[in-house]
Amino acid sequence: MRKITAIFFGVLFTLFAGLQYNDPDPQVWIPIYGFAAIASFMALGNAGRPWFYSAAGVVFWGSAIYWWPPQFEGFLLNEMGMKTINIELARESGGLAICGLAMFILAVVTRGGKR
């Protein structure tokens, strides 16, 4: 289960990072998703410890809460372009929350593995 989960999240976050190339601030988001991808692939080789993934999950979720928009207007408005800053902040916050959830899942699947 650990290997399948690690591959799934590793590929997912690699795709997330790749989709940021035309974002207004790719220098922020490519490293964030890149870190999540690398951490996921670390679980594939059983190199990460549960405390590492738990700490990363707390940081990601704390960041998601910090970046939550002052007024939630949704994530999409029938197109992928940014319509308002609140929608962009909600999307960024949602991405961070997904990273946090993945890190917590990886913390669970890496418990008790051979070291």
N, C-alpha and C. Protein backbone atom coordinates (compact mmCIF):
# COMPACT_ATOMS: atom_id res chain seq x y z
N MET A 1 0.82 -1.20 0.00
CA MET A 1 0.00 0.00 0.00
C MET A 1 0.87 1.26 0.00
N ARG A 2 2.00 1.19 0.72
CA ARG A 2 2.90 2.34 0.81
C ARG A 2 3.42 2.73 -0.56
N LYS A 3 3.83 1.74 -1.36
CA LYS A 3 4.42 2.04 -2.66
C LYS A 3 3.40 2.63 -3.63
N ILE A 4 2.21 2.08 -3.64
CA ILE A 4 1.16 2.61 -4.53
C ILE A 4 0.81 4.05 -4.14
N THR A 5 0.67 4.29 -2.84
CA THR A 5 0.34 5.63 -2.36
C THR A 5 1.46 6.61 -2.70
N ALA A 6 2.70 6.20 -2.49
CA ALA A 6 3.85 7.07 -2.78
C ALA A 6 3.92 7.40 -4.27
N ILE A 7 3.73 6.41 -5.12
CA ILE A 7 3.76 6.66 -6.57
C ILE A 7 2.63 7.59 -6.98
N PHE A 8 1.42 7.33 -6.46
CA PHE A 8 0.27 8.17 -6.81
C PHE A 8 0.53 9.63 -6.46
N PHE A 9 0.92 9.88 -5.20
CA PHE A 9 1.13 11.27 -4.79
C PHE A 9 2.36 11.87 -5.46
N GLY A 10 3.40 11.08 -5.67
CA GLY A 10 4.59 11.60 -6.34
C GLY A 10 4.28 12.07 -7.75
N VAL A 11 3.54 11.27 -8.50
CA VAL A 11 3.17 11.64 -9.86
C VAL A 11 2.20 12.82 -9.84
N LEU A 12 1.23 12.80 -8.92
CA LEU A 12 0.26 13.89 -8.82
C LEU A 12 0.95 15.24 -8.58
N PHE A 13 1.86 15.28 -7.62
CA PHE A 13 2.53 16.54 -7.30
C PHE A 13 3.54 16.95 -8.36
N THR A 14 4.09 15.99 -9.07
CA THR A 14 4.95 16.34 -10.21
C THR A 14 4.10 17.02 -11.29
N LEU A 15 2.91 16.50 -11.53
CA LEU A 15 1.99 17.14 -12.49
C LEU A 15 1.57 18.53 -12.00
N PHE A 16 1.26 18.64 -10.70
CA PHE A 16 0.90 19.95 -10.14
C PHE A 16 2.02 20.95 -10.38
N ALA A 17 3.26 20.54 -10.12
CA ALA A 17 4.41 21.43 -10.31
C ALA A 17 4.54 21.82 -11.78
N GLY A 18 4.36 20.86 -12.68
CA GLY A 18 4.47 21.14 -14.10
C GLY A 18 3.41 22.11 -14.60
N LEU A 19 2.23 22.06 -14.01
CA LEU A 19 1.15 22.96 -14.43
C LEU A 19 1.34 24.39 -13.95
N GLN A 20 2.34 24.63 -13.13
CA GLN A 20 2.57 25.97 -12.60
C GLN A 20 3.46 26.84 -13.48
N TYR A 21 3.95 26.29 -14.59
CA TYR A 21 4.91 27.03 -15.40
C TYR A 21 4.36 28.35 -15.92
N ASN A 22 3.06 28.44 -16.15
CA ASN A 22 2.48 29.69 -16.65
C ASN A 22 1.73 30.46 -15.57
N ASP A 23 1.92 30.08 -14.32
CA ASP A 23 1.31 30.77 -13.19
C ASP A 23 2.01 32.12 -13.00
N PRO A 24 1.32 33.11 -12.46
CA PRO A 24 1.98 34.41 -12.22
C PRO A 24 3.17 34.31 -11.25
N ASP A 25 3.18 33.31 -10.38
CA ASP A 25 4.29 33.17 -9.43
C ASP A 25 4.79 31.72 -9.37
N PRO A 26 5.32 31.21 -10.49
CA PRO A 26 5.78 29.82 -10.51
C PRO A 26 6.96 29.57 -9.58
N GLN A 27 7.75 30.61 -9.30
CA GLN A 27 8.91 30.45 -8.43
C GLN A 27 8.50 30.11 -7.00
N VAL A 28 7.24 30.32 -6.66
CA VAL A 28 6.72 29.94 -5.34
C VAL A 28 6.14 28.53 -5.39
N TRP A 29 5.32 28.26 -6.39
CA TRP A 29 4.51 27.04 -6.39
C TRP A 29 5.23 25.81 -6.93
N ILE A 30 6.15 25.98 -7.85
CA ILE A 30 6.90 24.81 -8.34
C ILE A 30 7.73 24.19 -7.22
N PRO A 31 8.45 24.97 -6.41
CA PRO A 31 9.17 24.34 -5.29
C PRO A 31 8.25 23.72 -4.24
N ILE A 32 7.09 24.31 -4.01
CA ILE A 32 6.16 23.76 -3.02
C ILE A 32 5.68 22.39 -3.47
N TYR A 33 5.19 22.32 -4.71
CA TYR A 33 4.72 21.03 -5.22
C TYR A 33 5.89 20.08 -5.47
N GLY A 34 7.05 20.63 -5.81
CA GLY A 34 8.23 19.79 -5.98
C GLY A 34 8.64 19.13 -4.67
N PHE A 35 8.56 19.88 -3.58
CA PHE A 35 8.87 19.30 -2.27
C PHE A 35 7.89 18.17 -1.95
N ALA A 36 6.62 18.39 -2.21
CA ALA A 36 5.62 17.36 -1.95
C ALA A 36 5.87 16.12 -2.81
N ALA A 37 6.29 16.32 -4.06
CA ALA A 37 6.60 15.18 -4.94
C ALA A 37 7.81 14.42 -4.42
N ILE A 38 8.86 15.13 -4.06
CA ILE A 38 10.07 14.48 -3.55
C ILE A 38 9.77 13.72 -2.26
N ALA A 39 9.01 14.36 -1.37
CA ALA A 39 8.64 13.69 -0.11
C ALA A 39 7.84 12.43 -0.40
N SER A 40 6.97 12.48 -1.39
CA SER A 40 6.17 11.31 -1.75
C SER A 40 7.07 10.19 -2.28
N PHE A 41 7.99 10.54 -3.14
CA PHE A 41 8.90 9.53 -3.68
C PHE A 41 9.85 8.99 -2.62
N MET A 42 10.13 9.79 -1.59
CA MET A 42 10.93 9.28 -0.46
C MET A 42 10.21 8.12 0.22
N ALA A 43 8.89 8.19 0.30
CA ALA A 43 8.12 7.10 0.90
C ALA A 43 8.21 5.84 0.05
N LEU A 44 8.38 6.01 -1.24
CA LEU A 44 8.52 4.85 -2.13
C LEU A 44 9.75 4.03 -1.73
N GLY A 45 10.84 4.72 -1.41
CA GLY A 45 12.06 4.03 -0.99
C GLY A 45 12.14 3.85 0.51
N ASN A 46 11.07 4.16 1.21
CA ASN A 46 11.00 4.05 2.67
C ASN A 46 12.05 4.92 3.35
N ALA A 47 12.37 6.06 2.74
CA ALA A 47 13.38 6.96 3.29
C ALA A 47 12.80 7.98 4.26
N GLY A 48 11.50 8.23 4.19
CA GLY A 48 10.87 9.21 5.08
C GLY A 48 10.33 8.56 6.34
N ARG A 49 10.35 9.30 7.41
CA ARG A 49 9.82 8.83 8.69
C ARG A 49 8.42 9.43 8.91
N PRO A 50 7.58 8.75 9.67
CA PRO A 50 6.24 9.28 9.91
C PRO A 50 6.25 10.69 10.53
N TRP A 51 7.20 10.97 11.41
CA TRP A 51 7.25 12.31 12.02
C TRP A 51 7.54 13.38 10.96
N PHE A 52 8.34 13.04 9.95
CA PHE A 52 8.65 13.98 8.88
C PHE A 52 7.39 14.34 8.10
N TYR A 53 6.61 13.31 7.75
CA TYR A 53 5.38 13.54 6.99
C TYR A 53 4.34 14.27 7.84
N SER A 54 4.27 13.95 9.12
CA SER A 54 3.34 14.65 10.00
C SER A 54 3.71 16.13 10.12
N ALA A 55 5.01 16.41 10.29
CA ALA A 55 5.45 17.80 10.39
C ALA A 55 5.17 18.55 9.09
N ALA A 56 5.44 17.90 7.95
CA ALA A 56 5.16 18.54 6.65
C ALA A 56 3.66 18.80 6.50
N GLY A 57 2.83 17.85 6.95
CA GLY A 57 1.38 18.04 6.88
C GLY A 57 0.92 19.22 7.71
N VAL A 58 1.49 19.38 8.89
CA VAL A 58 1.13 20.52 9.75
C VAL A 58 1.54 21.83 9.08
N VAL A 59 2.73 21.88 8.49
CA VAL A 59 3.19 23.09 7.80
C VAL A 59 2.29 23.40 6.61
N PHE A 60 1.97 22.38 5.82
CA PHE A 60 1.10 22.61 4.66
C PHE A 60 -0.28 23.10 5.09
N TRP A 61 -0.86 22.46 6.09
CA TRP A 61 -2.20 22.88 6.53
C TRP A 61 -2.17 24.25 7.19
N GLY A 62 -1.13 24.53 7.95
CA GLY A 62 -0.99 25.87 8.53
C GLY A 62 -0.90 26.93 7.44
N SER A 63 -0.16 26.62 6.38
CA SER A 63 -0.06 27.54 5.25
C SER A 63 -1.39 27.69 4.52
N ALA A 64 -2.12 26.59 4.40
CA ALA A 64 -3.44 26.65 3.74
C ALA A 64 -4.38 27.55 4.52
N ILE A 65 -4.36 27.46 5.82
CA ILE A 65 -5.21 28.31 6.66
C ILE A 65 -4.77 29.76 6.53
N TYR A 66 -3.47 29.99 6.53
CA TYR A 66 -2.94 31.35 6.42
C TYR A 66 -3.34 32.00 5.10
N TRP A 67 -3.32 31.24 4.00
CA TRP A 67 -3.61 31.79 2.68
C TRP A 67 -5.09 31.76 2.32
N TRP A 68 -5.94 31.28 3.22
CA TRP A 68 -7.38 31.24 2.92
C TRP A 68 -7.87 32.65 2.62
N PRO A 69 -8.68 32.84 1.59
CA PRO A 69 -9.11 34.19 1.20
C PRO A 69 -10.01 34.84 2.25
N PRO A 70 -9.97 36.16 2.32
CA PRO A 70 -10.83 36.87 3.27
C PRO A 70 -12.32 36.63 2.99
N GLN A 71 -12.64 36.45 1.71
CA GLN A 71 -14.02 36.15 1.31
C GLN A 71 -13.98 35.02 0.29
N PHE A 72 -14.57 33.88 0.63
CA PHE A 72 -14.54 32.72 -0.26
C PHE A 72 -15.53 32.92 -1.39
N GLU A 73 -15.01 32.86 -2.63
CA GLU A 73 -15.84 33.02 -3.83
C GLU A 73 -15.83 31.76 -4.68
N GLY A 74 -15.32 30.68 -4.15
CA GLY A 74 -15.25 29.44 -4.90
C GLY A 74 -13.87 29.21 -5.46
N PHE A 75 -13.76 28.11 -6.21
CA PHE A 75 -12.48 27.75 -6.83
C PHE A 75 -12.49 27.99 -8.33
N LEU A 76 -13.66 27.89 -8.95
CA LEU A 76 -13.75 28.01 -10.40
C LEU A 76 -14.88 28.95 -10.81
N LEU A 77 -14.67 29.60 -11.93
CA LEU A 77 -15.73 30.42 -12.53
C LEU A 77 -15.84 30.09 -14.01
N ASN A 78 -16.15 28.84 -14.33
CA ASN A 78 -16.36 28.38 -15.71
C ASN A 78 -15.14 28.50 -16.62
N GLU A 79 -13.99 28.88 -16.09
CA GLU A 79 -12.76 28.92 -16.87
C GLU A 79 -11.59 28.88 -15.91
N MET A 80 -10.41 28.60 -16.44
CA MET A 80 -9.25 28.39 -15.58
C MET A 80 -8.52 29.68 -15.23
N GLY A 81 -8.79 30.78 -15.90
CA GLY A 81 -8.10 32.03 -15.59
C GLY A 81 -8.50 32.58 -14.24
N MET A 82 -7.64 33.42 -13.70
CA MET A 82 -7.93 34.04 -12.41
C MET A 82 -8.90 35.21 -12.61
N LYS A 83 -10.05 35.14 -11.96
CA LYS A 83 -11.03 36.22 -12.06
C LYS A 83 -10.87 37.22 -10.92
N THR A 84 -10.70 36.71 -9.71
CA THR A 84 -10.52 37.59 -8.55
C THR A 84 -9.39 37.04 -7.69
N ILE A 85 -8.86 37.89 -6.85
CA ILE A 85 -7.79 37.46 -5.95
C ILE A 85 -8.31 36.43 -4.96
N ASN A 86 -9.58 36.53 -4.57
CA ASN A 86 -10.14 35.55 -3.63
C ASN A 86 -10.20 34.15 -4.22
N ILE A 87 -10.51 34.05 -5.51
CA ILE A 87 -10.54 32.74 -6.16
C ILE A 87 -9.12 32.18 -6.26
N GLU A 88 -8.17 33.04 -6.61
CA GLU A 88 -6.77 32.58 -6.69
C GLU A 88 -6.26 32.13 -5.33
N LEU A 89 -6.58 32.88 -4.28
CA LEU A 89 -6.17 32.49 -2.93
C LEU A 89 -6.83 31.18 -2.51
N ALA A 90 -8.09 30.99 -2.88
CA ALA A 90 -8.78 29.74 -2.54
C ALA A 90 -8.12 28.56 -3.26
N ARG A 91 -7.74 28.74 -4.52
CA ARG A 91 -7.07 27.67 -5.26
C ARG A 91 -5.72 27.34 -4.63
N GLU A 92 -4.96 28.37 -4.29
CA GLU A 92 -3.65 28.15 -3.67
C GLU A 92 -3.80 27.47 -2.32
N SER A 93 -4.77 27.92 -1.55
CA SER A 93 -5.03 27.31 -0.24
C SER A 93 -5.47 25.86 -0.40
N GLY A 94 -6.29 25.60 -1.39
CA GLY A 94 -6.73 24.23 -1.65
C GLY A 94 -5.58 23.32 -2.04
N GLY A 95 -4.66 23.82 -2.85
CA GLY A 95 -3.49 23.04 -3.22
C GLY A 95 -2.63 22.71 -2.02
N LEU A 96 -2.45 23.67 -1.13
CA LEU A 96 -1.69 23.43 0.09
C LEU A 96 -2.39 22.41 0.99
N ALA A 97 -3.71 22.49 1.05
CA ALA A 97 -4.46 21.53 1.87
C ALA A 97 -4.34 20.11 1.30
N ILE A 98 -4.35 19.99 -0.03
CA ILE A 98 -4.16 18.68 -0.66
C ILE A 98 -2.78 18.12 -0.31
N CYS A 99 -1.77 18.98 -0.37
CA CYS A 99 -0.41 18.55 0.00
C CYS A 99 -0.39 18.08 1.46
N GLY A 100 -1.05 18.84 2.34
CA GLY A 100 -1.08 18.46 3.75
C GLY A 100 -1.78 17.12 3.97
N LEU A 101 -2.90 16.92 3.31
CA LEU A 101 -3.62 15.65 3.44
C LEU A 101 -2.75 14.50 2.95
N ALA A 102 -2.07 14.70 1.85
CA ALA A 102 -1.19 13.65 1.32
C ALA A 102 -0.07 13.33 2.31
N MET A 103 0.49 14.36 2.94
CA MET A 103 1.57 14.12 3.91
C MET A 103 1.06 13.32 5.11
N PHE A 104 -0.15 13.62 5.56
CA PHE A 104 -0.72 12.87 6.69
C PHE A 104 -0.99 11.41 6.28
N ILE A 105 -1.45 11.20 5.06
CA ILE A 105 -1.67 9.83 4.58
C ILE A 105 -0.33 9.10 4.51
N LEU A 106 0.70 9.77 4.01
CA LEU A 106 2.02 9.15 3.94
C LEU A 106 2.57 8.86 5.34
N ALA A 107 2.26 9.70 6.32
CA ALA A 107 2.69 9.43 7.69
C ALA A 107 2.09 8.13 8.19
N VAL A 108 0.85 7.87 7.82
CA VAL A 108 0.17 6.64 8.26
C VAL A 108 0.75 5.43 7.54
N VAL A 109 0.93 5.52 6.23
CA VAL A 109 1.38 4.33 5.48
C VAL A 109 2.86 4.01 5.71
N THR A 110 3.64 4.96 6.22
CA THR A 110 5.05 4.69 6.49
C THR A 110 5.30 4.20 7.91
N ARG A 111 4.27 4.14 8.74
CA ARG A 111 4.45 3.62 10.11
C ARG A 111 4.78 2.14 10.07
N GLY A 112 5.71 1.75 10.90
CA GLY A 112 6.00 0.33 11.06
C GLY A 112 6.75 -0.31 9.91
N GLY A 113 7.21 0.49 8.94
CA GLY A 113 7.94 -0.08 7.83
C GLY A 113 9.35 -0.50 8.25
N LYS A 114 9.97 -1.36 7.45
CA LYS A 114 11.34 -1.78 7.72
C LYS A 114 12.28 -0.63 7.46
N ARG A 115 13.23 -0.44 8.33
CA ARG A 115 14.21 0.65 8.20
C ARG A 115 15.58 0.09 7.96
